[in-house]
Amino acid sequence: MTNDLRQKVYRLCSLSEWEASVRNGVITANKDDKRDGFLHLCKEGQVLRSALKHYSHINNLQVLGILVRDIQSILKFEPNRSGELFPHAYGVISYSSVIFARPVPVNNGVYFFPKELFS
């Protein structure tokens, strides 16, 4: 990651998880987050693979954009089993840190992530 203050990381979640986050004022942890002890996030180039691997069963998938500068004190980039670095948040992410929440489009039953989804 660069030191660009506009750099973003992304959170995938169901619409109901996003709605709970809005109500509670913080990003809601899912069962995988609770198991692993951190909130799972992605870089832009990781979102599609993560969606297909971990969220294909979710209807109404949402992508949340979060500015790195807002969570840098709790953000760590750690390797997955194959050594690829993924962003993990060790702490609470405030609802106010989310700069956008958008539904992920589906084409023939498969999620896709057009470039404009991330801007």
C-alpha atoms as a PDB file:
ATOM      1  CA  MET A   1       0.000   0.000   0.000  1.00  0.00           C
ATOM      2  CA  THR A   2       1.147   3.512  -0.698  1.00  0.00           C
ATOM      3  CA  ASN A   3       0.853   6.500   1.615  1.00  0.00           C
ATOM      4  CA  ASP A   4      -1.885   7.969  -0.596  1.00  0.00           C
ATOM      5  CA  LEU A   5      -4.523   9.382   1.773  1.00  0.00           C
ATOM      6  CA  ARG A   6      -7.251   8.320  -0.679  1.00  0.00           C
ATOM      7  CA  GLN A   7      -6.165   4.664  -0.659  1.00  0.00           C
ATOM      8  CA  LYS A   8      -9.110   2.387   0.060  1.00  0.00           C
ATOM      9  CA  VAL A   9      -9.734  -1.094   1.344  1.00  0.00           C
ATOM     10  CA  TYR A  10     -12.999  -2.921   0.867  1.00  0.00           C
ATOM     11  CA  ARG A  11     -15.398  -4.940   2.951  1.00  0.00           C
ATOM     12  CA  LEU A  12     -17.822  -7.468   1.485  1.00  0.00           C
ATOM     13  CA  CYS A  13     -21.009  -8.159   3.397  1.00  0.00           C
ATOM     14  CA  SER A  14     -24.660  -8.995   2.994  1.00  0.00           C
ATOM     15  CA  LEU A  15     -27.248  -6.242   2.863  1.00  0.00           C
ATOM     16  CA  SER A  16     -28.532  -7.309   6.296  1.00  0.00           C
ATOM     17  CA  GLU A  17     -24.993  -7.048   7.751  1.00  0.00           C
ATOM     18  CA  TRP A  18     -24.651  -3.561   6.267  1.00  0.00           C
ATOM     19  CA  GLU A  19     -28.043  -2.534   7.672  1.00  0.00           C
ATOM     20  CA  ALA A  20     -26.962  -3.810  11.111  1.00  0.00           C
ATOM     21  CA  SER A  21     -23.749  -1.791  10.792  1.00  0.00           C
ATOM     22  CA  VAL A  22     -25.758   1.359  10.068  1.00  0.00           C
ATOM     23  CA  ARG A  23     -28.016   0.715  13.081  1.00  0.00           C
ATOM     24  CA  ASN A  24     -25.109  -0.101  15.419  1.00  0.00           C
ATOM     25  CA  GLY A  25     -22.716   2.592  14.177  1.00  0.00           C
ATOM     26  CA  VAL A  26     -19.906   0.067  13.612  1.00  0.00           C
ATOM     27  CA  ILE A  27     -19.091  -2.585  11.004  1.00  0.00           C
ATOM     28  CA  THR A  28     -20.735  -5.801  12.106  1.00  0.00           C
ATOM     29  CA  ALA A  29     -18.415  -8.804  12.464  1.00  0.00           C
ATOM     30  CA  ASN A  30     -19.527 -11.982  10.709  1.00  0.00           C
ATOM     31  CA  LYS A  31     -18.823 -15.520  11.941  1.00  0.00           C
ATOM     32  CA  ASP A  32     -15.483 -15.691  10.098  1.00  0.00           C
ATOM     33  CA  ASP A  33     -14.373 -12.389  11.645  1.00  0.00           C
ATOM     34  CA  LYS A  34     -15.326 -13.605  15.116  1.00  0.00           C
ATOM     35  CA  ARG A  35     -13.504 -16.903  14.561  1.00  0.00           C
ATOM     36  CA  ASP A  36     -10.325 -15.231  13.275  1.00  0.00           C
ATOM     37  CA  GLY A  37     -10.298 -12.246  15.655  1.00  0.00           C
ATOM     38  CA  PHE A  38     -10.262  -9.514  13.010  1.00  0.00           C
ATOM     39  CA  LEU A  39     -12.449  -7.958  10.324  1.00  0.00           C
ATOM     40  CA  HIS A  40     -11.662  -9.350   6.880  1.00  0.00           C
ATOM     41  CA  LEU A  41     -11.026  -6.715   4.226  1.00  0.00           C
ATOM     42  CA  CYS A  42      -9.690  -6.745   0.662  1.00  0.00           C
ATOM     43  CA  LYS A  43      -7.668  -4.657  -1.708  1.00  0.00           C
ATOM     44  CA  GLU A  44      -9.430  -3.855  -4.986  1.00  0.00           C
ATOM     45  CA  GLY A  45      -7.646  -6.627  -6.884  1.00  0.00           C
ATOM     46  CA  GLN A  46      -8.738  -9.194  -4.287  1.00  0.00           C
ATOM     47  CA  VAL A  47     -12.434  -8.398  -4.136  1.00  0.00           C
ATOM     48  CA  LEU A  48     -13.644 -10.628  -6.989  1.00  0.00           C
ATOM     49  CA  ARG A  49     -11.757 -13.715  -5.795  1.00  0.00           C
ATOM     50  CA  SER A  50     -12.911 -13.152  -2.221  1.00  0.00           C
ATOM     51  CA  ALA A  51     -16.515 -12.742  -3.343  1.00  0.00           C
ATOM     52  CA  LEU A  52     -16.435 -15.928  -5.399  1.00  0.00           C
ATOM     53  CA  LYS A  53     -14.678 -17.948  -2.697  1.00  0.00           C
ATOM     54  CA  HIS A  54     -16.407 -16.724   0.451  1.00  0.00           C
ATOM     55  CA  TYR A  55     -19.615 -14.916  -0.520  1.00  0.00           C
ATOM     56  CA  SER A  56     -21.123 -16.757  -3.502  1.00  0.00           C
ATOM     57  CA  HIS A  57     -23.979 -17.963  -1.259  1.00  0.00           C
ATOM     58  CA  ILE A  58     -24.898 -14.386  -0.225  1.00  0.00           C
ATOM     59  CA  ASN A  59     -27.806 -12.638  -1.895  1.00  0.00           C
ATOM     60  CA  ASN A  60     -27.632  -8.853  -2.041  1.00  0.00           C
ATOM     61  CA  LEU A  61     -23.860  -8.681  -1.606  1.00  0.00           C
ATOM     62  CA  GLN A  62     -22.561  -5.207  -0.784  1.00  0.00           C
ATOM     63  CA  VAL A  63     -19.104  -3.716  -1.208  1.00  0.00           C
ATOM     64  CA  LEU A  64     -18.062  -1.072   1.299  1.00  0.00           C
ATOM     65  CA  GLY A  65     -15.255   1.380   0.601  1.00  0.00           C
ATOM     66  CA  ILE A  66     -13.152   2.420   3.586  1.00  0.00           C
ATOM     67  CA  LEU A  67     -10.331   4.967   3.559  1.00  0.00           C
ATOM     68  CA  VAL A  68      -7.113   3.470   4.878  1.00  0.00           C
ATOM     69  CA  ARG A  69      -6.254   6.717   6.692  1.00  0.00           C
ATOM     70  CA  ASP A  70      -9.386   6.325   8.844  1.00  0.00           C
ATOM     71  CA  ILE A  71      -8.410   2.880  10.122  1.00  0.00           C
ATOM     72  CA  GLN A  72      -4.619   2.841   9.825  1.00  0.00           C
ATOM     73  CA  SER A  73      -4.157   2.421  13.582  1.00  0.00           C
ATOM     74  CA  ILE A  74      -6.001  -0.931  13.529  1.00  0.00           C
ATOM     75  CA  LEU A  75      -5.045  -2.111  10.006  1.00  0.00           C
ATOM     76  CA  LYS A  76      -2.490  -4.833   9.313  1.00  0.00           C
ATOM     77  CA  PHE A  77      -1.582  -6.471   6.002  1.00  0.00           C
ATOM     78  CA  GLU A  78      -1.028 -10.158   6.632  1.00  0.00           C
ATOM     79  CA  PRO A  79      -0.366 -13.132   4.374  1.00  0.00           C
ATOM     80  CA  ASN A  80      -3.006 -15.726   3.617  1.00  0.00           C
ATOM     81  CA  ARG A  81      -2.088 -19.402   3.184  1.00  0.00           C
ATOM     82  CA  SER A  82      -0.565 -18.727  -0.249  1.00  0.00           C
ATOM     83  CA  GLY A  83       1.396 -15.696   0.984  1.00  0.00           C
ATOM     84  CA  GLU A  84      -0.773 -12.970  -0.549  1.00  0.00           C
ATOM     85  CA  LEU A  85      -1.159  -9.943   1.741  1.00  0.00           C
ATOM     86  CA  PHE A  86      -4.711  -9.125   2.807  1.00  0.00           C
ATOM     87  CA  PRO A  87      -5.853  -6.203   4.960  1.00  0.00           C
ATOM     88  CA  HIS A  88      -7.214  -7.128   8.383  1.00  0.00           C
ATOM     89  CA  ALA A  89      -8.715  -4.725  10.911  1.00  0.00           C
ATOM     90  CA  TYR A  90      -7.967  -5.493  14.552  1.00  0.00           C
ATOM     91  CA  GLY A  91     -10.537  -3.300  16.184  1.00  0.00           C
ATOM     92  CA  VAL A  92     -13.767  -1.482  15.566  1.00  0.00           C
ATOM     93  CA  ILE A  93     -14.476   0.221  12.250  1.00  0.00           C
ATOM     94  CA  SER A  94     -16.935   3.040  12.696  1.00  0.00           C
ATOM     95  CA  TYR A  95     -19.843   3.354  10.293  1.00  0.00           C
ATOM     96  CA  SER A  96     -18.566   6.879   9.575  1.00  0.00           C
ATOM     97  CA  SER A  97     -15.351   5.421   8.110  1.00  0.00           C
ATOM     98  CA  VAL A  98     -17.334   3.853   5.255  1.00  0.00           C
ATOM     99  CA  ILE A  99     -17.214   6.243   2.301  1.00  0.00           C
ATOM    100  CA  PHE A 100     -19.597   4.194   0.184  1.00  0.00           C
ATOM    101  CA  ALA A 101     -21.759   1.080   0.305  1.00  0.00           C
ATOM    102  CA  ARG A 102     -22.927  -0.301  -3.032  1.00  0.00           C
ATOM    103  CA  PRO A 103     -24.720  -3.424  -4.171  1.00  0.00           C
ATOM    104  CA  VAL A 104     -22.550  -5.750  -6.217  1.00  0.00           C
ATOM    105  CA  PRO A 105     -24.024  -6.407  -9.671  1.00  0.00           C
ATOM    106  CA  VAL A 106     -24.814  -9.947 -10.749  1.00  0.00           C
ATOM    107  CA  ASN A 107     -24.543 -11.223 -14.322  1.00  0.00           C
ATOM    108  CA  ASN A 108     -25.871 -14.714 -15.084  1.00  0.00           C
ATOM    109  CA  GLY A 109     -25.747 -15.575 -11.397  1.00  0.00           C
ATOM    110  CA  VAL A 110     -22.133 -14.439 -10.913  1.00  0.00           C
ATOM    111  CA  TYR A 111     -20.992 -11.309  -9.092  1.00  0.00           C
ATOM    112  CA  PHE A 112     -18.891  -8.877 -11.077  1.00  0.00           C
ATOM    113  CA  PHE A 113     -17.066  -5.733 -10.095  1.00  0.00           C
ATOM    114  CA  PRO A 114     -16.978  -3.014 -12.730  1.00  0.00           C
ATOM    115  CA  LYS A 115     -14.277  -0.382 -12.183  1.00  0.00           C
ATOM    116  CA  GLU A 116     -16.856   2.332 -11.433  1.00  0.00           C
ATOM    117  CA  LEU A 117     -18.050   0.326  -8.431  1.00  0.00           C
ATOM    118  CA  PHE A 118     -14.823   1.311  -6.647  1.00  0.00           C
ATOM    119  CA  SER A 119     -14.801   5.040  -7.372  1.00  0.00           C
END
